[in-house]
Amino acid sequence: MDAKALLRDHPDWLAHLESLGGFDLAFPDDLASELLRLTVPHEDVNAVLAARPQPGTPEWWLAERCVHSLVSTMGSLDDPPPFRPLPELDPYFYVYVYLAALPHTRRYHRELGVPEEVSWATFADLGRNMAVHRKRHGTGGLNAPQWFMLHARGLLFELGRLQFNRCRLGTRTGTAVRAAGLPVGPGDPALGVHIPDFHGPLTPEACDASFARARSFFPRHFPQERQHVMACASWLLDDQLARYLPAGSNIVAFQRRFHLLHRLDDADTLGFVFGADAANPAALPRRTSLERAIADHLAAGGTWHGRVGWLRF
C-alpha cells in the first residue's frame, strides 16, 4: 500500500498531513491492559494487538502524521481535515492512532486541571464506539473514526449521561440564536451536546445532572471562553417522535429542553436505533416503543430526520 496514493482522493487531507511531517509514536508497554481500561470490547482485544502497525510501513507513515495532526491542534476550535474510514486500512488502524495520541491528551487535561475521573470517562468512548461498530456491522472496527478526534484533541468531555464539546456556532444556528436576542452569532464559541449509546436511560434526572456539571466545568477549566449557548444536532430531536411516544417518555422530555431549528436529512436514525438490523428496513424489529414508532412511521410512508436545537448555557 502506498500511503500517498491512498489519500489522493482526499487532497486536502493529504496536503495537511504532508505539511506536518512525522511524529514519534509510542504505545503503552502493557497494551492489553490499556485497551481494557479504554473499555475496548473483550472480543476485539486480541485482534487489536495483532493489528499493531510496524515502523517503515505505509501504515506507520500515515499513523505518524495522523497523530501529529491531533497533537498540533490540541484544544483548538479550528478543526483539521477529518480522518476517513478508508477500506484499505486495517479496521483497527485508528485505534492505534488514538492510543499514541492519548498521552498528549492526558497531559493537556492535567494542565487544565480536569479531574482524572472525567478524563477516563471521556476516553472510554473509544471502546464504546468499537461496540457501536460491532452493533452496526457485526464486525470489529472503530465506528466513525473522525468522531474520536474531538476527544483526542481535548475538545469533548463526558460529564455523566451526556457529552459536551467546545465548538463554534454554524451559520444557520448562530443566526437563529442571534435573532432570539442572545449576544452571539455564527462563529462564536458554544457547546455541542451529545448522547452516547450504551449508557443507560436518558432520564431527565441524569440529564439535569449533566447540564449542571457542564455549567460549572467549562467556566472553571476554560475561563477565557464565555459560553451562552448549547446546541445539539440529533435524530433524537425529530419532533415527529412525539406523535408516537408517550408524553412522559425520556426522549420527549429531552426534546422539550431545546428551541428546535432546521431539520437534517442525514441523521441515520435507523442505524442508531437498529444497528445491523437497519440493513432491511422492510423487516425492522418492533421490540420496544421506540422501535415500533420508527418502523411504523416508515411503513406508513414517513421519513425520519435529524433536528438541530439550542438552549441557553
C-alpha atoms as a PDB file:
ATOM      1  CA  MET A   1       0.000   0.000   0.000  1.00  0.00           C
ATOM      2  CA  ASP A   2       1.287   3.452  -0.984  1.00  0.00           C
ATOM      3  CA  ALA A   3       0.008   5.827   1.719  1.00  0.00           C
ATOM      4  CA  LYS A   4       0.082   8.902  -0.527  1.00  0.00           C
ATOM      5  CA  ALA A   5      -1.696   7.093  -3.347  1.00  0.00           C
ATOM      6  CA  LEU A   6      -4.322   6.011  -0.855  1.00  0.00           C
ATOM      7  CA  LEU A   7      -5.021   9.641   0.032  1.00  0.00           C
ATOM      8  CA  ARG A   8      -5.052  11.133  -3.480  1.00  0.00           C
ATOM      9  CA  ASP A   9      -8.856  11.145  -3.472  1.00  0.00           C
ATOM     10  CA  HIS A  10      -8.623  13.406  -0.395  1.00  0.00           C
ATOM     11  CA  PRO A  11      -6.224  16.172  -1.500  1.00  0.00           C
ATOM     12  CA  ASP A  12      -6.984  18.493   1.411  1.00  0.00           C
ATOM     13  CA  TRP A  13      -6.234  15.755   3.910  1.00  0.00           C
ATOM     14  CA  LEU A  14      -3.070  14.662   2.067  1.00  0.00           C
ATOM     15  CA  ALA A  15      -1.756  18.231   1.846  1.00  0.00           C
ATOM     16  CA  HIS A  16      -2.425  18.746   5.556  1.00  0.00           C
ATOM     17  CA  LEU A  17      -0.628  15.535   6.562  1.00  0.00           C
ATOM     18  CA  GLU A  18       2.347  16.170   4.289  1.00  0.00           C
ATOM     19  CA  SER A  19       2.770  19.663   5.718  1.00  0.00           C
ATOM     20  CA  LEU A  20       3.125  18.237   9.215  1.00  0.00           C
ATOM     21  CA  GLY A  21       5.884  15.688   8.806  1.00  0.00           C
ATOM     22  CA  GLY A  22       6.383  12.710  11.062  1.00  0.00           C
ATOM     23  CA  PHE A  23       5.832  12.350  14.777  1.00  0.00           C
ATOM     24  CA  ASP A  24       7.389   9.947  17.255  1.00  0.00           C
ATOM     25  CA  LEU A  25       4.906   7.177  18.019  1.00  0.00           C
ATOM     26  CA  ALA A  26       4.853   5.350  21.316  1.00  0.00           C
ATOM     27  CA  PHE A  27       2.369   2.766  22.548  1.00  0.00           C
ATOM     28  CA  PRO A  28       1.727   1.578  26.127  1.00  0.00           C
ATOM     29  CA  ASP A  29       4.007  -1.176  27.396  1.00  0.00           C
ATOM     30  CA  ASP A  30       1.057  -3.185  28.681  1.00  0.00           C
ATOM     31  CA  LEU A  31      -1.132  -2.655  25.657  1.00  0.00           C
ATOM     32  CA  ALA A  32      -3.777  -5.230  26.576  1.00  0.00           C
ATOM     33  CA  SER A  33      -4.410  -3.592  29.963  1.00  0.00           C
ATOM     34  CA  GLU A  34      -4.633  -0.183  28.315  1.00  0.00           C
ATOM     35  CA  LEU A  35      -7.226  -1.445  25.842  1.00  0.00           C
ATOM     36  CA  LEU A  36      -9.358  -2.846  28.649  1.00  0.00           C
ATOM     37  CA  ARG A  37      -9.046   0.419  30.569  1.00  0.00           C
ATOM     38  CA  LEU A  38     -10.430   2.155  27.478  1.00  0.00           C
ATOM     39  CA  THR A  39     -13.389  -0.289  27.523  1.00  0.00           C
ATOM     40  CA  VAL A  40     -12.356  -1.957  24.266  1.00  0.00           C
ATOM     41  CA  PRO A  41     -14.707  -4.972  23.915  1.00  0.00           C
ATOM     42  CA  HIS A  42     -13.028  -8.186  25.029  1.00  0.00           C
ATOM     43  CA  GLU A  43     -13.702  -9.880  21.707  1.00  0.00           C
ATOM     44  CA  ASP A  44     -11.682  -7.147  19.949  1.00  0.00           C
ATOM     45  CA  VAL A  45      -8.602  -7.098  22.181  1.00  0.00           C
ATOM     46  CA  ASN A  46      -6.612  -9.894  20.502  1.00  0.00           C
ATOM     47  CA  ALA A  47      -7.403  -8.577  17.032  1.00  0.00           C
ATOM     48  CA  VAL A  48      -6.269  -5.079  18.004  1.00  0.00           C
ATOM     49  CA  LEU A  49      -2.996  -6.430  19.401  1.00  0.00           C
ATOM     50  CA  ALA A  50      -2.365  -8.313  16.159  1.00  0.00           C
ATOM     51  CA  ALA A  51      -3.007  -5.185  14.046  1.00  0.00           C
ATOM     52  CA  ARG A  52      -0.212  -3.083  15.553  1.00  0.00           C
ATOM     53  CA  PRO A  53       1.433  -1.042  12.743  1.00  0.00           C
ATOM     54  CA  GLN A  54       5.145  -1.587  12.141  1.00  0.00           C
ATOM     55  CA  PRO A  55       7.844   1.073  11.613  1.00  0.00           C
ATOM     56  CA  GLY A  56       8.813   1.642   7.996  1.00  0.00           C
ATOM     57  CA  THR A  57       5.415   0.649   6.587  1.00  0.00           C
ATOM     58  CA  PRO A  58       2.922   2.958   4.836  1.00  0.00           C
ATOM     59  CA  GLU A  59       0.578   2.489   7.815  1.00  0.00           C
ATOM     60  CA  TRP A  60       3.290   3.817  10.127  1.00  0.00           C
ATOM     61  CA  TRP A  61       3.858   6.838   7.856  1.00  0.00           C
ATOM     62  CA  LEU A  62       0.161   7.628   7.952  1.00  0.00           C
ATOM     63  CA  ALA A  63      -0.177   6.997  11.697  1.00  0.00           C
ATOM     64  CA  GLU A  64       2.736   9.371  12.462  1.00  0.00           C
ATOM     65  CA  ARG A  65       1.030  12.169  10.601  1.00  0.00           C
ATOM     66  CA  CYS A  66      -2.457  11.470  11.934  1.00  0.00           C
ATOM     67  CA  VAL A  67      -1.132  11.657  15.497  1.00  0.00           C
ATOM     68  CA  HIS A  68       0.756  14.843  14.626  1.00  0.00           C
ATOM     69  CA  SER A  69      -2.496  16.314  13.285  1.00  0.00           C
ATOM     70  CA  LEU A  70      -4.207  15.647  16.608  1.00  0.00           C
ATOM     71  CA  VAL A  71      -1.411  16.902  18.841  1.00  0.00           C
ATOM     72  CA  SER A  72      -0.711  20.034  16.773  1.00  0.00           C
ATOM     73  CA  THR A  73      -4.359  21.133  17.059  1.00  0.00           C
ATOM     74  CA  MET A  74      -4.851  20.215  20.726  1.00  0.00           C
ATOM     75  CA  GLY A  75      -7.564  22.414  22.236  1.00  0.00           C
ATOM     76  CA  SER A  76      -8.069  24.452  19.059  1.00  0.00           C
ATOM     77  CA  LEU A  77     -11.564  25.215  17.761  1.00  0.00           C
ATOM     78  CA  ASP A  78     -10.130  25.239  14.234  1.00  0.00           C
ATOM     79  CA  ASP A  79     -10.598  21.675  13.014  1.00  0.00           C
ATOM     80  CA  PRO A  80      -8.034  19.810  10.909  1.00  0.00           C
ATOM     81  CA  PRO A  81      -9.316  17.670   7.997  1.00  0.00           C
ATOM     82  CA  PRO A  82     -11.252  14.731   9.441  1.00  0.00           C
ATOM     83  CA  PHE A  83      -9.954  11.172   9.426  1.00  0.00           C
ATOM     84  CA  ARG A  84     -11.517   8.966   6.774  1.00  0.00           C
ATOM     85  CA  PRO A  85     -12.635   5.333   7.218  1.00  0.00           C
ATOM     86  CA  LEU A  86     -10.621   4.093   4.233  1.00  0.00           C
ATOM     87  CA  PRO A  87     -11.345   0.442   3.341  1.00  0.00           C
ATOM     88  CA  GLU A  88      -7.666  -0.223   2.537  1.00  0.00           C
ATOM     89  CA  LEU A  89      -6.680   0.371   6.160  1.00  0.00           C
ATOM     90  CA  ASP A  90      -6.861  -2.249   8.877  1.00  0.00           C
ATOM     91  CA  PRO A  91     -10.163  -1.921  10.792  1.00  0.00           C
ATOM     92  CA  TYR A  92      -8.182  -1.104  13.945  1.00  0.00           C
ATOM     93  CA  PHE A  93      -5.739   1.360  12.385  1.00  0.00           C
ATOM     94  CA  TYR A  94      -7.264   4.419  14.036  1.00  0.00           C
ATOM     95  CA  VAL A  95      -7.324   2.698  17.421  1.00  0.00           C
ATOM     96  CA  TYR A  96      -3.526   2.872  17.316  1.00  0.00           C
ATOM     97  CA  VAL A  97      -3.594   6.496  16.206  1.00  0.00           C
ATOM     98  CA  TYR A  98      -5.620   7.347  19.286  1.00  0.00           C
ATOM     99  CA  LEU A  99      -3.529   5.142  21.588  1.00  0.00           C
ATOM    100  CA  ALA A 100      -0.461   7.119  20.520  1.00  0.00           C
ATOM    101  CA  ALA A 101      -2.214  10.474  20.926  1.00  0.00           C
ATOM    102  CA  LEU A 102      -3.865   9.916  24.315  1.00  0.00           C
ATOM    103  CA  PRO A 103      -0.752  10.557  26.478  1.00  0.00           C
ATOM    104  CA  HIS A 104      -0.662  14.036  24.965  1.00  0.00           C
ATOM    105  CA  THR A 105      -4.371  14.495  25.610  1.00  0.00           C
ATOM    106  CA  ARG A 106      -3.922  13.379  29.228  1.00  0.00           C
ATOM    107  CA  ARG A 107      -1.144  15.921  29.666  1.00  0.00           C
ATOM    108  CA  TYR A 108      -3.420  18.628  28.255  1.00  0.00           C
ATOM    109  CA  HIS A 109      -6.208  17.572  30.641  1.00  0.00           C
ATOM    110  CA  ARG A 110      -3.806  17.752  33.597  1.00  0.00           C
ATOM    111  CA  GLU A 111      -2.697  21.246  32.550  1.00  0.00           C
ATOM    112  CA  LEU A 112      -6.353  22.308  32.542  1.00  0.00           C
ATOM    113  CA  GLY A 113      -6.973  20.695  35.941  1.00  0.00           C
ATOM    114  CA  VAL A 114      -9.520  18.232  34.541  1.00  0.00           C
ATOM    115  CA  PRO A 115     -10.268  15.518  37.137  1.00  0.00           C
ATOM    116  CA  GLU A 116      -8.945  12.045  36.344  1.00  0.00           C
ATOM    117  CA  GLU A 117     -12.410  10.518  36.513  1.00  0.00           C
ATOM    118  CA  VAL A 118     -13.641  12.907  33.809  1.00  0.00           C
ATOM    119  CA  SER A 119     -10.626  12.122  31.624  1.00  0.00           C
ATOM    120  CA  TRP A 120     -11.123   8.379  31.820  1.00  0.00           C
ATOM    121  CA  ALA A 121     -14.891   8.573  31.351  1.00  0.00           C
ATOM    122  CA  THR A 122     -14.177  10.617  28.212  1.00  0.00           C
ATOM    123  CA  PHE A 123     -11.504   8.280  26.837  1.00  0.00           C
ATOM    124  CA  ALA A 124     -13.727   5.231  27.435  1.00  0.00           C
ATOM    125  CA  ASP A 125     -15.731   6.387  24.421  1.00  0.00           C
ATOM    126  CA  LEU A 126     -13.052   4.712  22.300  1.00  0.00           C
ATOM    127  CA  GLY A 127     -14.194   1.263  23.411  1.00  0.00           C
ATOM    128  CA  ARG A 128     -17.850   2.315  23.252  1.00  0.00           C
ATOM    129  CA  ASN A 129     -17.519   3.282  19.600  1.00  0.00           C
ATOM    130  CA  MET A 130     -15.915  -0.062  18.855  1.00  0.00           C
ATOM    131  CA  ALA A 131     -19.021  -1.640  20.394  1.00  0.00           C
ATOM    132  CA  VAL A 132     -21.161   0.636  18.199  1.00  0.00           C
ATOM    133  CA  HIS A 133     -19.235  -0.574  15.133  1.00  0.00           C
ATOM    134  CA  ARG A 134     -19.996  -4.189  16.035  1.00  0.00           C
ATOM    135  CA  LYS A 135     -23.659  -3.302  16.676  1.00  0.00           C
ATOM    136  CA  ARG A 136     -23.937  -1.709  13.245  1.00  0.00           C
ATOM    137  CA  HIS A 137     -21.802  -4.010  11.125  1.00  0.00           C
ATOM    138  CA  GLY A 138     -21.381  -7.246  13.084  1.00  0.00           C
ATOM    139  CA  THR A 139     -17.582  -6.995  12.759  1.00  0.00           C
ATOM    140  CA  GLY A 140     -14.690  -5.418  14.632  1.00  0.00           C
ATOM    141  CA  GLY A 141     -13.554  -1.865  13.975  1.00  0.00           C
ATOM    142  CA  LEU A 142     -13.963   1.719  15.137  1.00  0.00           C
ATOM    143  CA  ASN A 143     -17.212   3.429  14.205  1.00  0.00           C
ATOM    144  CA  ALA A 144     -16.834   6.856  12.546  1.00  0.00           C
ATOM    145  CA  PRO A 145     -13.087   7.261  13.307  1.00  0.00           C
ATOM    146  CA  GLN A 146     -13.293  11.037  12.886  1.00  0.00           C
ATOM    147  CA  TRP A 147     -15.620  11.261  15.912  1.00  0.00           C
ATOM    148  CA  PHE A 148     -12.914  10.477  18.483  1.00  0.00           C
ATOM    149  CA  MET A 149     -10.804  13.343  17.124  1.00  0.00           C
ATOM    150  CA  LEU A 150     -12.835  15.616  19.420  1.00  0.00           C
ATOM    151  CA  HIS A 151     -11.824  13.574  22.461  1.00  0.00           C
ATOM    152  CA  ALA A 152      -8.175  13.227  21.464  1.00  0.00           C
ATOM    153  CA  ARG A 153      -7.835  16.950  20.740  1.00  0.00           C
ATOM    154  CA  GLY A 154      -9.176  17.878  24.168  1.00  0.00           C
ATOM    155  CA  LEU A 155     -12.445  19.385  22.934  1.00  0.00           C
ATOM    156  CA  LEU A 156     -15.001  16.862  24.201  1.00  0.00           C
ATOM    157  CA  PHE A 157     -15.699  15.777  27.774  1.00  0.00           C
ATOM    158  CA  GLU A 158     -18.096  13.235  29.197  1.00  0.00           C
ATOM    159  CA  LEU A 159     -19.935  14.658  32.204  1.00  0.00           C
ATOM    160  CA  GLY A 160     -22.315  11.980  33.401  1.00  0.00           C
ATOM    161  CA  ARG A 161     -25.009  10.882  30.955  1.00  0.00           C
ATOM    162  CA  LEU A 162     -24.145  13.463  28.300  1.00  0.00           C
ATOM    163  CA  GLN A 163     -21.053  14.599  26.440  1.00  0.00           C
ATOM    164  CA  PHE A 164     -20.179  18.217  25.668  1.00  0.00           C
ATOM    165  CA  ASN A 165     -17.653  19.631  23.218  1.00  0.00           C
ATOM    166  CA  ARG A 166     -16.295  23.105  22.685  1.00  0.00           C
ATOM    167  CA  CYS A 167     -17.247  24.273  19.199  1.00  0.00           C
ATOM    168  CA  ARG A 168     -18.371  27.270  17.154  1.00  0.00           C
ATOM    169  CA  LEU A 169     -21.906  28.099  16.124  1.00  0.00           C
ATOM    170  CA  GLY A 170     -22.689  27.351  12.495  1.00  0.00           C
ATOM    171  CA  THR A 171     -24.278  29.900  10.200  1.00  0.00           C
ATOM    172  CA  ARG A 172     -27.916  28.786  10.470  1.00  0.00           C
ATOM    173  CA  THR A 173     -27.840  28.026  14.197  1.00  0.00           C
ATOM    174  CA  GLY A 174     -25.864  31.168  15.033  1.00  0.00           C
ATOM    175  CA  THR A 175     -28.249  33.347  13.024  1.00  0.00           C
ATOM    176  CA  ALA A 176     -31.266  31.841  14.798  1.00  0.00           C
ATOM    177  CA  VAL A 177     -29.702  32.300  18.234  1.00  0.00           C
ATOM    178  CA  ARG A 178     -28.874  35.927  17.484  1.00  0.00           C
ATOM    179  CA  ALA A 179     -32.436  36.509  16.255  1.00  0.00           C
ATOM    180  CA  ALA A 180     -33.656  35.158  19.599  1.00  0.00           C
ATOM    181  CA  GLY A 181     -31.850  38.023  21.329  1.00  0.00           C
ATOM    182  CA  LEU A 182     -28.651  36.385  22.575  1.00  0.00           C
ATOM    183  CA  PRO A 183     -25.349  38.267  22.159  1.00  0.00           C
ATOM    184  CA  VAL A 184     -23.772  35.613  19.919  1.00  0.00           C
ATOM    185  CA  GLY A 185     -23.943  34.546  16.309  1.00  0.00           C
ATOM    186  CA  PRO A 186     -22.232  32.468  13.631  1.00  0.00           C
ATOM    187  CA  GLY A 187     -18.654  31.558  14.512  1.00  0.00           C
ATOM    188  CA  ASP A 188     -18.956  32.321  18.221  1.00  0.00           C
ATOM    189  CA  PRO A 189     -17.962  29.721  20.841  1.00  0.00           C
ATOM    190  CA  ALA A 190     -20.651  27.311  22.011  1.00  0.00           C
ATOM    191  CA  LEU A 191     -21.017  23.834  23.434  1.00  0.00           C
ATOM    192  CA  GLY A 192     -22.189  20.833  21.449  1.00  0.00           C
ATOM    193  CA  VAL A 193     -24.363  18.300  23.292  1.00  0.00           C
ATOM    194  CA  HIS A 194     -24.100  14.576  22.520  1.00  0.00           C
ATOM    195  CA  ILE A 195     -25.954  11.495  23.747  1.00  0.00           C
ATOM    196  CA  PRO A 196     -23.679   8.430  23.810  1.00  0.00           C
ATOM    197  CA  ASP A 197     -25.008   4.937  23.175  1.00  0.00           C
ATOM    198  CA  PHE A 198     -24.703   2.094  25.704  1.00  0.00           C
ATOM    199  CA  HIS A 199     -25.026   4.478  28.627  1.00  0.00           C
ATOM    200  CA  GLY A 200     -28.383   3.694  30.193  1.00  0.00           C
ATOM    201  CA  PRO A 201     -31.704   5.559  30.071  1.00  0.00           C
ATOM    202  CA  LEU A 202     -31.796   9.210  29.064  1.00  0.00           C
ATOM    203  CA  THR A 203     -33.699  10.190  32.208  1.00  0.00           C
ATOM    204  CA  PRO A 204     -34.486  13.840  32.999  1.00  0.00           C
ATOM    205  CA  GLU A 205     -32.643  13.489  36.307  1.00  0.00           C
ATOM    206  CA  ALA A 206     -29.472  12.206  34.618  1.00  0.00           C
ATOM    207  CA  CYS A 207     -29.647  14.982  32.011  1.00  0.00           C
ATOM    208  CA  ASP A 208     -30.223  17.635  34.692  1.00  0.00           C
ATOM    209  CA  ALA A 209     -27.089  16.445  36.478  1.00  0.00           C
ATOM    210  CA  SER A 210     -25.028  16.509  33.258  1.00  0.00           C
ATOM    211  CA  PHE A 211     -26.146  20.016  32.289  1.00  0.00           C
ATOM    212  CA  ALA A 212     -25.400  21.222  35.808  1.00  0.00           C
ATOM    213  CA  ARG A 213     -21.900  19.737  35.636  1.00  0.00           C
ATOM    214  CA  ALA A 214     -21.279  21.353  32.246  1.00  0.00           C
ATOM    215  CA  ARG A 215     -22.321  24.768  33.580  1.00  0.00           C
ATOM    216  CA  SER A 216     -19.627  24.562  36.256  1.00  0.00           C
ATOM    217  CA  PHE A 217     -16.993  22.530  34.363  1.00  0.00           C
ATOM    218  CA  PHE A 218     -16.408  24.778  31.354  1.00  0.00           C
ATOM    219  CA  PRO A 219     -16.123  28.152  33.144  1.00  0.00           C
ATOM    220  CA  ARG A 220     -13.700  26.510  35.589  1.00  0.00           C
ATOM    221  CA  HIS A 221     -11.415  24.888  33.026  1.00  0.00           C
ATOM    222  CA  PHE A 222     -11.870  27.303  30.100  1.00  0.00           C
ATOM    223  CA  PRO A 223     -12.314  30.687  31.805  1.00  0.00           C
ATOM    224  CA  GLN A 224     -11.199  32.521  28.644  1.00  0.00           C
ATOM    225  CA  GLU A 225     -14.415  31.478  26.872  1.00  0.00           C
ATOM    226  CA  ARG A 226     -17.803  32.831  27.844  1.00  0.00           C
ATOM    227  CA  GLN A 227     -20.464  30.352  26.838  1.00  0.00           C
ATOM    228  CA  HIS A 228     -24.000  31.496  26.046  1.00  0.00           C
ATOM    229  CA  VAL A 229     -25.454  28.557  24.146  1.00  0.00           C
ATOM    230  CA  MET A 230     -25.500  24.774  23.990  1.00  0.00           C
ATOM    231  CA  ALA A 231     -26.521  23.201  20.679  1.00  0.00           C
ATOM    232  CA  CYS A 232     -27.479  19.662  19.728  1.00  0.00           C
ATOM    233  CA  ALA A 233     -27.914  18.022  16.317  1.00  0.00           C
ATOM    234  CA  SER A 234     -29.503  14.604  16.671  1.00  0.00           C
ATOM    235  CA  TRP A 235     -32.128  12.196  15.418  1.00  0.00           C
ATOM    236  CA  LEU A 236     -33.481  12.323  18.986  1.00  0.00           C
ATOM    237  CA  LEU A 237     -34.703  15.875  18.337  1.00  0.00           C
ATOM    238  CA  ASP A 238     -37.022  14.907  15.471  1.00  0.00           C
ATOM    239  CA  ASP A 239     -40.315  16.227  16.832  1.00  0.00           C
ATOM    240  CA  GLN A 240     -42.216  13.567  14.862  1.00  0.00           C
ATOM    241  CA  LEU A 241     -41.239  11.167  17.656  1.00  0.00           C
ATOM    242  CA  ALA A 242     -43.637  12.965  19.988  1.00  0.00           C
ATOM    243  CA  ARG A 243     -46.562  11.684  17.886  1.00  0.00           C
ATOM    244  CA  TYR A 244     -45.703   8.094  18.725  1.00  0.00           C
ATOM    245  CA  LEU A 245     -44.051   8.085  22.135  1.00  0.00           C
ATOM    246  CA  PRO A 246     -45.795   8.616  25.492  1.00  0.00           C
ATOM    247  CA  ALA A 247     -45.878  12.233  26.683  1.00  0.00           C
ATOM    248  CA  GLY A 248     -43.715  11.266  29.653  1.00  0.00           C
ATOM    249  CA  SER A 249     -41.019   9.498  27.620  1.00  0.00           C
ATOM    250  CA  ASN A 250     -37.382  10.388  28.220  1.00  0.00           C
ATOM    251  CA  ILE A 251     -36.875  11.329  24.574  1.00  0.00           C
ATOM    252  CA  VAL A 252     -39.828  13.739  24.529  1.00  0.00           C
ATOM    253  CA  ALA A 253     -38.611  15.292  27.781  1.00  0.00           C
ATOM    254  CA  PHE A 254     -35.151  15.765  26.247  1.00  0.00           C
ATOM    255  CA  GLN A 255     -36.631  17.459  23.170  1.00  0.00           C
ATOM    256  CA  ARG A 256     -38.569  19.929  25.326  1.00  0.00           C
ATOM    257  CA  ARG A 257     -35.333  21.380  26.674  1.00  0.00           C
ATOM    258  CA  PHE A 258     -34.415  22.800  23.268  1.00  0.00           C
ATOM    259  CA  HIS A 259     -35.540  25.502  20.888  1.00  0.00           C
ATOM    260  CA  LEU A 260     -35.838  23.373  17.744  1.00  0.00           C
ATOM    261  CA  LEU A 261     -34.477  24.695  14.455  1.00  0.00           C
ATOM    262  CA  HIS A 262     -33.870  23.223  10.991  1.00  0.00           C
ATOM    263  CA  ARG A 263     -34.033  19.575  10.010  1.00  0.00           C
ATOM    264  CA  LEU A 264     -31.117  17.397   8.949  1.00  0.00           C
ATOM    265  CA  ASP A 265     -31.548  14.756   6.256  1.00  0.00           C
ATOM    266  CA  ASP A 266     -28.554  12.596   7.199  1.00  0.00           C
ATOM    267  CA  ALA A 267     -29.351  11.725  10.824  1.00  0.00           C
ATOM    268  CA  ASP A 268     -29.080   7.935  10.260  1.00  0.00           C
ATOM    269  CA  THR A 269     -31.962   7.246  12.626  1.00  0.00           C
ATOM    270  CA  LEU A 270     -32.196   3.604  11.564  1.00  0.00           C
ATOM    271  CA  GLY A 271     -28.519   2.974  12.192  1.00  0.00           C
ATOM    272  CA  PHE A 272     -28.625   4.471  15.677  1.00  0.00           C
ATOM    273  CA  VAL A 273     -31.766   2.602  16.712  1.00  0.00           C
ATOM    274  CA  PHE A 274     -31.498  -0.751  14.919  1.00  0.00           C
ATOM    275  CA  GLY A 275     -27.797  -1.241  14.205  1.00  0.00           C
ATOM    276  CA  ALA A 276     -27.210  -4.053  11.712  1.00  0.00           C
ATOM    277  CA  ASP A 277     -30.978  -4.723  11.532  1.00  0.00           C
ATOM    278  CA  ALA A 278     -31.314  -1.422   9.648  1.00  0.00           C
ATOM    279  CA  ALA A 279     -29.994  -3.175   6.526  1.00  0.00           C
ATOM    280  CA  ASN A 280     -33.520  -4.441   5.836  1.00  0.00           C
ATOM    281  CA  PRO A 281     -35.951  -1.569   6.518  1.00  0.00           C
ATOM    282  CA  ALA A 282     -38.902  -3.712   5.439  1.00  0.00           C
ATOM    283  CA  ALA A 283     -38.291  -6.163   8.305  1.00  0.00           C
ATOM    284  CA  LEU A 284     -37.344  -3.924  11.204  1.00  0.00           C
ATOM    285  CA  PRO A 285     -37.926  -5.449  14.664  1.00  0.00           C
ATOM    286  CA  ARG A 286     -40.529  -3.885  16.940  1.00  0.00           C
ATOM    287  CA  ARG A 287     -39.252  -4.884  20.375  1.00  0.00           C
ATOM    288  CA  THR A 288     -39.646  -1.509  22.111  1.00  0.00           C
ATOM    289  CA  SER A 289     -41.938   1.505  21.856  1.00  0.00           C
ATOM    290  CA  LEU A 290     -39.161   3.415  20.096  1.00  0.00           C
ATOM    291  CA  GLU A 291     -38.555   0.659  17.550  1.00  0.00           C
ATOM    292  CA  ARG A 292     -42.299   0.403  16.901  1.00  0.00           C
ATOM    293  CA  ALA A 293     -42.512   4.166  16.403  1.00  0.00           C
ATOM    294  CA  ILE A 294     -39.628   4.257  13.928  1.00  0.00           C
ATOM    295  CA  ALA A 295     -40.751   1.176  11.979  1.00  0.00           C
ATOM    296  CA  ASP A 296     -44.463   2.069  11.870  1.00  0.00           C
ATOM    297  CA  HIS A 297     -43.737   5.605  10.655  1.00  0.00           C
ATOM    298  CA  LEU A 298     -41.602   4.253   7.822  1.00  0.00           C
ATOM    299  CA  ALA A 299     -44.188   1.611   6.946  1.00  0.00           C
ATOM    300  CA  ALA A 300     -46.772   4.396   6.619  1.00  0.00           C
ATOM    301  CA  GLY A 301     -44.557   6.183   4.085  1.00  0.00           C
ATOM    302  CA  GLY A 302     -42.968   8.643   6.520  1.00  0.00           C
ATOM    303  CA  THR A 303     -39.368   9.809   6.723  1.00  0.00           C
ATOM    304  CA  TRP A 304     -37.195  10.449   9.766  1.00  0.00           C
ATOM    305  CA  HIS A 305     -34.914  13.451  10.092  1.00  0.00           C
ATOM    306  CA  GLY A 306     -32.373  14.830  12.462  1.00  0.00           C
ATOM    307  CA  ARG A 307     -33.043  18.194  14.036  1.00  0.00           C
ATOM    308  CA  VAL A 308     -30.909  20.999  15.429  1.00  0.00           C
ATOM    309  CA  GLY A 309     -31.833  22.607  18.723  1.00  0.00           C
ATOM    310  CA  TRP A 310     -30.314  25.047  21.174  1.00  0.00           C
ATOM    311  CA  LEU A 311     -30.710  26.088  24.796  1.00  0.00           C
ATOM    312  CA  ARG A 312     -29.147  28.729  26.983  1.00  0.00           C
ATOM    313  CA  PHE A 313     -25.921  27.877  28.724  1.00  0.00           C
END
